[in-house]
C-alpha atoms as a PDB file:
ATOM      1  CA  MET A   1      59.033 189.911 -98.367  1.00  0.00           C
ATOM      2  CA  PRO A   2      61.584 192.195-100.035  1.00  0.00           C
ATOM      3  CA  VAL A   3      64.643 190.473-101.643  1.00  0.00           C
ATOM      4  CA  PRO A   4      67.832 191.716-100.335  1.00  0.00           C
ATOM      5  CA  SER A   5      70.057 193.485-102.989  1.00  0.00           C
ATOM      6  CA  ALA A   6      73.759 193.001-103.470  1.00  0.00           C
ATOM      7  CA  PRO A   7      76.091 193.731-106.411  1.00  0.00           C
ATOM      8  CA  ALA A   8      76.348 190.961-108.893  1.00  0.00           C
ATOM      9  CA  ALA A   9      80.081 190.796-108.147  1.00  0.00           C
ATOM     10  CA  ASP A  10      79.264 189.532-104.669  1.00  0.00           C
ATOM     11  CA  VAL A  11      77.606 186.545-106.298  1.00  0.00           C
ATOM     12  CA  PRO A  12      80.023 183.535-105.737  1.00  0.00           C
ATOM     13  CA  ALA A  13      81.303 182.024-109.143  1.00  0.00           C
ATOM     14  CA  GLN A  14      79.184 178.744-108.488  1.00  0.00           C
ATOM     15  CA  LEU A  15      76.087 180.913-108.558  1.00  0.00           C
ATOM     16  CA  ARG A  16      76.627 183.105-111.497  1.00  0.00           C
ATOM     17  CA  GLY A  17      73.703 181.615-113.444  1.00  0.00           C
ATOM     18  CA  MET A  18      71.340 183.006-110.854  1.00  0.00           C
ATOM     19  CA  ALA A  19      69.498 186.332-111.214  1.00  0.00           C
ATOM     20  CA  ALA A  20      71.062 189.195-109.613  1.00  0.00           C
ATOM     21  CA  PRO A  21      69.992 189.115-105.920  1.00  0.00           C
ATOM     22  CA  GLY A  22      68.299 192.482-105.957  1.00  0.00           C
ATOM     23  CA  LEU A  23      66.384 191.973-109.237  1.00  0.00           C
ATOM     24  CA  SER A  24      62.800 191.650-109.081  1.00  0.00           C
ATOM     25  CA  THR A  25      61.765 188.519-111.133  1.00  0.00           C
ATOM     26  CA  GLU A  26      58.460 186.782-111.763  1.00  0.00           C
ATOM     27  CA  GLY A  27      59.615 183.893-109.685  1.00  0.00           C
ATOM     28  CA  ARG A  28      60.490 186.099-106.674  1.00  0.00           C
ATOM     29  CA  ARG A  29      57.357 188.075-107.032  1.00  0.00           C
ATOM     30  CA  LEU A  30      55.253 184.665-107.005  1.00  0.00           C
ATOM     31  CA  LEU A  31      57.384 183.428-104.087  1.00  0.00           C
ATOM     32  CA  ALA A  32      56.580 186.682-102.018  1.00  0.00           C
ATOM     33  CA  GLY A  33      52.948 186.315-102.689  1.00  0.00           C
ATOM     34  CA  LEU A  34      53.109 182.507-101.523  1.00  0.00           C
ATOM     35  CA  VAL A  35      54.838 183.631 -98.345  1.00  0.00           C
ATOM     36  CA  ASP A  36      52.581 186.525 -97.463  1.00  0.00           C
ATOM     37  CA  GLY A  37      49.478 184.553 -98.416  1.00  0.00           C
ATOM     38  CA  SER A  38      48.267 186.819-101.259  1.00  0.00           C
ATOM     39  CA  VAL A  39      48.830 184.144-103.949  1.00  0.00           C
ATOM     40  CA  PRO A  40      47.068 180.801-103.448  1.00  0.00           C
ATOM     41  CA  GLY A  41      49.346 177.818-103.813  1.00  0.00           C
ATOM     42  CA  PRO A  42      48.636 175.257-106.606  1.00  0.00           C
ATOM     43  CA  ALA A  43      46.057 172.648-105.997  1.00  0.00           C
ATOM     44  CA  ALA A  44      48.720 169.903-105.511  1.00  0.00           C
ATOM     45  CA  ALA A  45      50.054 171.809-102.613  1.00  0.00           C
ATOM     46  CA  GLY A  46      46.904 171.355-100.739  1.00  0.00           C
ATOM     47  CA  THR A  47      46.506 167.761-101.836  1.00  0.00           C
ATOM     48  CA  LEU A  48      50.090 166.771-100.716  1.00  0.00           C
ATOM     49  CA  ARG A  49      49.999 168.901 -97.525  1.00  0.00           C
ATOM     50  CA  LEU A  50      53.069 170.939 -98.747  1.00  0.00           C
ATOM     51  CA  PRO A  51      53.864 173.710 -96.221  1.00  0.00           C
ATOM     52  CA  PRO A  52      54.583 177.027 -97.810  1.00  0.00           C
ATOM     53  CA  ALA A  53      57.824 178.973 -97.439  1.00  0.00           C
ATOM     54  CA  THR A  54      57.931 181.271 -94.615  1.00  0.00           C
ATOM     55  CA  GLY A  55      60.819 183.359 -95.674  1.00  0.00           C
ATOM     56  CA  PHE A  56      63.179 183.687 -98.502  1.00  0.00           C
ATOM     57  CA  ALA A  57      66.284 185.588-100.114  1.00  0.00           C
ATOM     58  CA  ALA A  58      67.781 185.057-103.521  1.00  0.00           C
ATOM     59  CA  GLY A  59      68.712 181.416-103.612  1.00  0.00           C
ATOM     60  CA  ARG A  60      67.404 180.517 -99.924  1.00  0.00           C
ATOM     61  CA  VAL A  61      64.037 179.595 -98.633  1.00  0.00           C
ATOM     62  CA  THR A  62      63.141 178.865 -94.955  1.00  0.00           C
ATOM     63  CA  CYS A  63      59.926 177.332 -93.566  1.00  0.00           C
ATOM     64  CA  SER A  64      58.879 177.017 -89.896  1.00  0.00           C
ATOM     65  CA  THR A  65      56.109 174.332 -89.916  1.00  0.00           C
ATOM     66  CA  ARG A  66      54.625 171.606 -87.916  1.00  0.00           C
ATOM     67  CA  PHE A  67      54.335 168.086 -89.011  1.00  0.00           C
ATOM     68  CA  GLU A  68      51.166 166.494 -87.957  1.00  0.00           C
ATOM     69  CA  GLU A  69      50.187 162.911 -86.873  1.00  0.00           C
ATOM     70  CA  PRO A  70      48.180 162.068 -90.070  1.00  0.00           C
ATOM     71  CA  LEU A  71      51.651 162.205 -91.912  1.00  0.00           C
ATOM     72  CA  THR A  72      52.931 159.016 -90.110  1.00  0.00           C
ATOM     73  CA  LEU A  73      52.852 155.479 -91.235  1.00  0.00           C
ATOM     74  CA  THR A  74      55.000 153.945 -88.390  1.00  0.00           C
ATOM     75  CA  PRO A  75      53.720 155.352 -85.218  1.00  0.00           C
ATOM     76  CA  ASN A  76      55.277 158.737 -84.277  1.00  0.00           C
ATOM     77  CA  VAL A  77      57.547 158.718 -87.387  1.00  0.00           C
ATOM     78  CA  VAL A  78      56.668 160.984 -90.296  1.00  0.00           C
ATOM     79  CA  PHE A  79      56.611 159.006 -93.674  1.00  0.00           C
ATOM     80  CA  GLY A  80      60.127 159.187 -95.414  1.00  0.00           C
ATOM     81  CA  GLY A  81      58.228 159.332 -98.839  1.00  0.00           C
ATOM     82  CA  TRP A  82      56.617 162.623 -97.775  1.00  0.00           C
ATOM     83  CA  ILE A  83      60.002 163.917 -96.686  1.00  0.00           C
ATOM     84  CA  ALA A  84      61.374 163.156-100.232  1.00  0.00           C
ATOM     85  CA  CYS A  85      58.457 164.979-101.667  1.00  0.00           C
ATOM     86  CA  LEU A  86      59.138 168.091 -99.426  1.00  0.00           C
ATOM     87  CA  VAL A  87      62.807 167.929-100.499  1.00  0.00           C
ATOM     88  CA  ASP A  88      61.591 168.333-104.096  1.00  0.00           C
ATOM     89  CA  HIS A  89      59.136 170.986-103.095  1.00  0.00           C
ATOM     90  CA  PHE A  90      61.502 173.194-101.322  1.00  0.00           C
ATOM     91  CA  ALA A  91      64.136 172.899-104.077  1.00  0.00           C
ATOM     92  CA  GLY A  92      61.486 174.114-106.467  1.00  0.00           C
ATOM     93  CA  LEU A  93      60.761 177.117-104.209  1.00  0.00           C
ATOM     94  CA  VAL A  94      64.480 177.978-104.252  1.00  0.00           C
ATOM     95  CA  MET A  95      64.425 177.853-108.059  1.00  0.00           C
ATOM     96  CA  LEU A  96      61.700 180.426-107.852  1.00  0.00           C
ATOM     97  CA  SER A  97      63.861 182.664-105.731  1.00  0.00           C
ATOM     98  CA  ALA A  98      66.962 182.366-108.059  1.00  0.00           C
ATOM     99  CA  LEU A  99      66.354 181.936-111.669  1.00  0.00           C
ATOM    100  CA  PRO A 100      66.098 184.850-114.270  1.00  0.00           C
ATOM    101  CA  ASP A 101      62.615 185.405-116.110  1.00  0.00           C
ATOM    102  CA  GLY A 102      61.903 182.881-118.616  1.00  0.00           C
ATOM    103  CA  THR A 103      64.154 180.077-117.239  1.00  0.00           C
ATOM    104  CA  ARG A 104      62.467 176.852-116.556  1.00  0.00           C
ATOM    105  CA  PHE A 105      63.606 173.869-114.527  1.00  0.00           C
ATOM    106  CA  LEU A 106      62.989 170.251-114.010  1.00  0.00           C
ATOM    107  CA  THR A 107      64.229 167.810-111.321  1.00  0.00           C
ATOM    108  CA  SER A 108      66.765 165.460-112.782  1.00  0.00           C
ATOM    109  CA  ASP A 109      68.074 163.708-109.495  1.00  0.00           C
ATOM    110  CA  LEU A 110      66.847 163.687-105.891  1.00  0.00           C
ATOM    111  CA  LYS A 111      68.562 162.222-102.839  1.00  0.00           C
ATOM    112  CA  VAL A 112      67.582 162.042 -99.325  1.00  0.00           C
ATOM    113  CA  THR A 113      69.460 161.043 -96.407  1.00  0.00           C
ATOM    114  CA  TYR A 114      67.542 160.140 -93.197  1.00  0.00           C
ATOM    115  CA  HIS A 115      69.704 160.825 -90.243  1.00  0.00           C
ATOM    116  CA  ALA A 116      67.069 160.279 -87.519  1.00  0.00           C
ATOM    117  CA  PRO A 117      63.226 159.993 -87.652  1.00  0.00           C
ATOM    118  CA  LEU A 118      61.201 163.069 -87.996  1.00  0.00           C
ATOM    119  CA  ARG A 119      58.356 163.220 -85.690  1.00  0.00           C
ATOM    120  CA  PRO A 120      55.079 165.052 -85.500  1.00  0.00           C
ATOM    121  CA  GLY A 121      55.772 168.470 -84.066  1.00  0.00           C
ATOM    122  CA  PRO A 122      57.710 171.665 -85.066  1.00  0.00           C
ATOM    123  CA  VAL A 123      60.367 171.618 -87.857  1.00  0.00           C
ATOM    124  CA  GLU A 124      62.627 174.063 -89.436  1.00  0.00           C
ATOM    125  CA  VAL A 125      63.326 173.609 -93.100  1.00  0.00           C
ATOM    126  CA  ARG A 126      66.155 175.364 -94.791  1.00  0.00           C
ATOM    127  CA  ALA A 127      66.895 175.144 -98.601  1.00  0.00           C
ATOM    128  CA  GLU A 128      69.761 176.799-100.383  1.00  0.00           C
ATOM    129  CA  LEU A 129      71.178 176.873-103.789  1.00  0.00           C
ATOM    130  CA  SER A 130      74.635 175.692-103.959  1.00  0.00           C
ATOM    131  CA  LEU A 131      75.399 175.599-107.695  1.00  0.00           C
ATOM    132  CA  CYS A 132      73.585 177.470-110.557  1.00  0.00           C
ATOM    133  CA  THR A 133      74.976 177.518-114.056  1.00  0.00           C
ATOM    134  CA  THR A 134      73.301 178.017-117.468  1.00  0.00           C
ATOM    135  CA  ARG A 135      72.199 174.441-117.550  1.00  0.00           C
ATOM    136  CA  LEU A 136      72.362 172.954-114.048  1.00  0.00           C
ATOM    137  CA  ALA A 137      71.382 173.914-110.483  1.00  0.00           C
ATOM    138  CA  VAL A 138      71.818 172.126-107.204  1.00  0.00           C
ATOM    139  CA  VAL A 139      69.820 172.750-104.157  1.00  0.00           C
ATOM    140  CA  GLU A 140      70.514 171.423-100.446  1.00  0.00           C
ATOM    141  CA  VAL A 141      67.619 170.978 -98.288  1.00  0.00           C
ATOM    142  CA  ALA A 142      67.706 170.355 -94.399  1.00  0.00           C
ATOM    143  CA  PHE A 143      65.054 169.588 -91.801  1.00  0.00           C
ATOM    144  CA  GLU A 144      65.841 170.353 -88.306  1.00  0.00           C
ATOM    145  CA  GLN A 145      63.922 169.154 -85.301  1.00  0.00           C
ATOM    146  CA  ASP A 146      64.808 169.526 -81.612  1.00  0.00           C
ATOM    147  CA  GLY A 147      68.176 171.081 -82.639  1.00  0.00           C
ATOM    148  CA  HIS A 148      69.365 168.097 -84.874  1.00  0.00           C
ATOM    149  CA  THR A 149      69.154 167.561 -88.596  1.00  0.00           C
ATOM    150  CA  GLY A 150      66.634 164.719 -88.950  1.00  0.00           C
ATOM    151  CA  SER A 151      66.874 164.485 -92.772  1.00  0.00           C
ATOM    152  CA  ALA A 152      68.737 166.192 -95.664  1.00  0.00           C
ATOM    153  CA  GLY A 153      68.340 166.212 -99.345  1.00  0.00           C
ATOM    154  CA  ARG A 154      69.980 167.344-102.517  1.00  0.00           C
ATOM    155  CA  VAL A 155      68.249 168.072-105.740  1.00  0.00           C
ATOM    156  CA  GLU A 156      69.784 168.502-109.119  1.00  0.00           C
ATOM    157  CA  GLN A 157      67.679 170.749-111.505  1.00  0.00           C
ATOM    158  CA  ILE A 158      68.164 170.793-115.353  1.00  0.00           C
ATOM    159  CA  LEU A 159      67.677 174.365-116.573  1.00  0.00           C
ATOM    160  CA  HIS A 160      66.327 175.468-119.906  1.00  0.00           C
ATOM    161  CA  ARG A 161      66.796 179.147-120.978  1.00  0.00           C
ATOM    162  CA  PRO A 162      65.052 180.098-124.149  1.00  0.00           C
ATOM    163  CA  GLN A 163      66.648 182.458-126.734  1.00  0.00           C
ATOM    164  CA  GLY A 164      67.122 185.920-125.210  1.00  0.00           C
ATOM    165  CA  VAL A 165      67.183 184.887-121.614  1.00  0.00           C
ATOM    166  CA  PRO A 166      70.834 185.884-120.181  1.00  0.00           C
ATOM    167  CA  GLY A 167      73.070 182.947-120.111  1.00  0.00           C
ATOM    168  CA  ALA A 168      71.175 181.098-122.758  1.00  0.00           C
END
């Protein structure tokens, strides 16, 4: 999926640490391959049943998926710990869509709010970068089911930009 282009001046100040929206980066190329299926996901993605992104743009990832019954502990309620895992997963995918080449990230804080039980069935996931500086990024993730937000999360990522990477 092509990444839409926009002039860097159109990037809000709170996202100035992000790679220019139209720039082809190694993370965006990897994410495009994961979305179209031409690049296999890591082994852990299969083990943890992590759904792939189904769309992305610079700083945003979407996923249309289906939660299955084996993901429940309480009958007809998807395990909240798995939802927390997905929050971190989708935040990482957003980072692939946003960071300049050579920049690495690690989760430093993760919060999940459970508004209503998520159940087996169709789910829409939206993840969006809300802050990106040279050292910190914040991603907001929401899970919608039946027209309502069932869970939402916020992930802080610590960024490391080696010498020579813009913004280092």
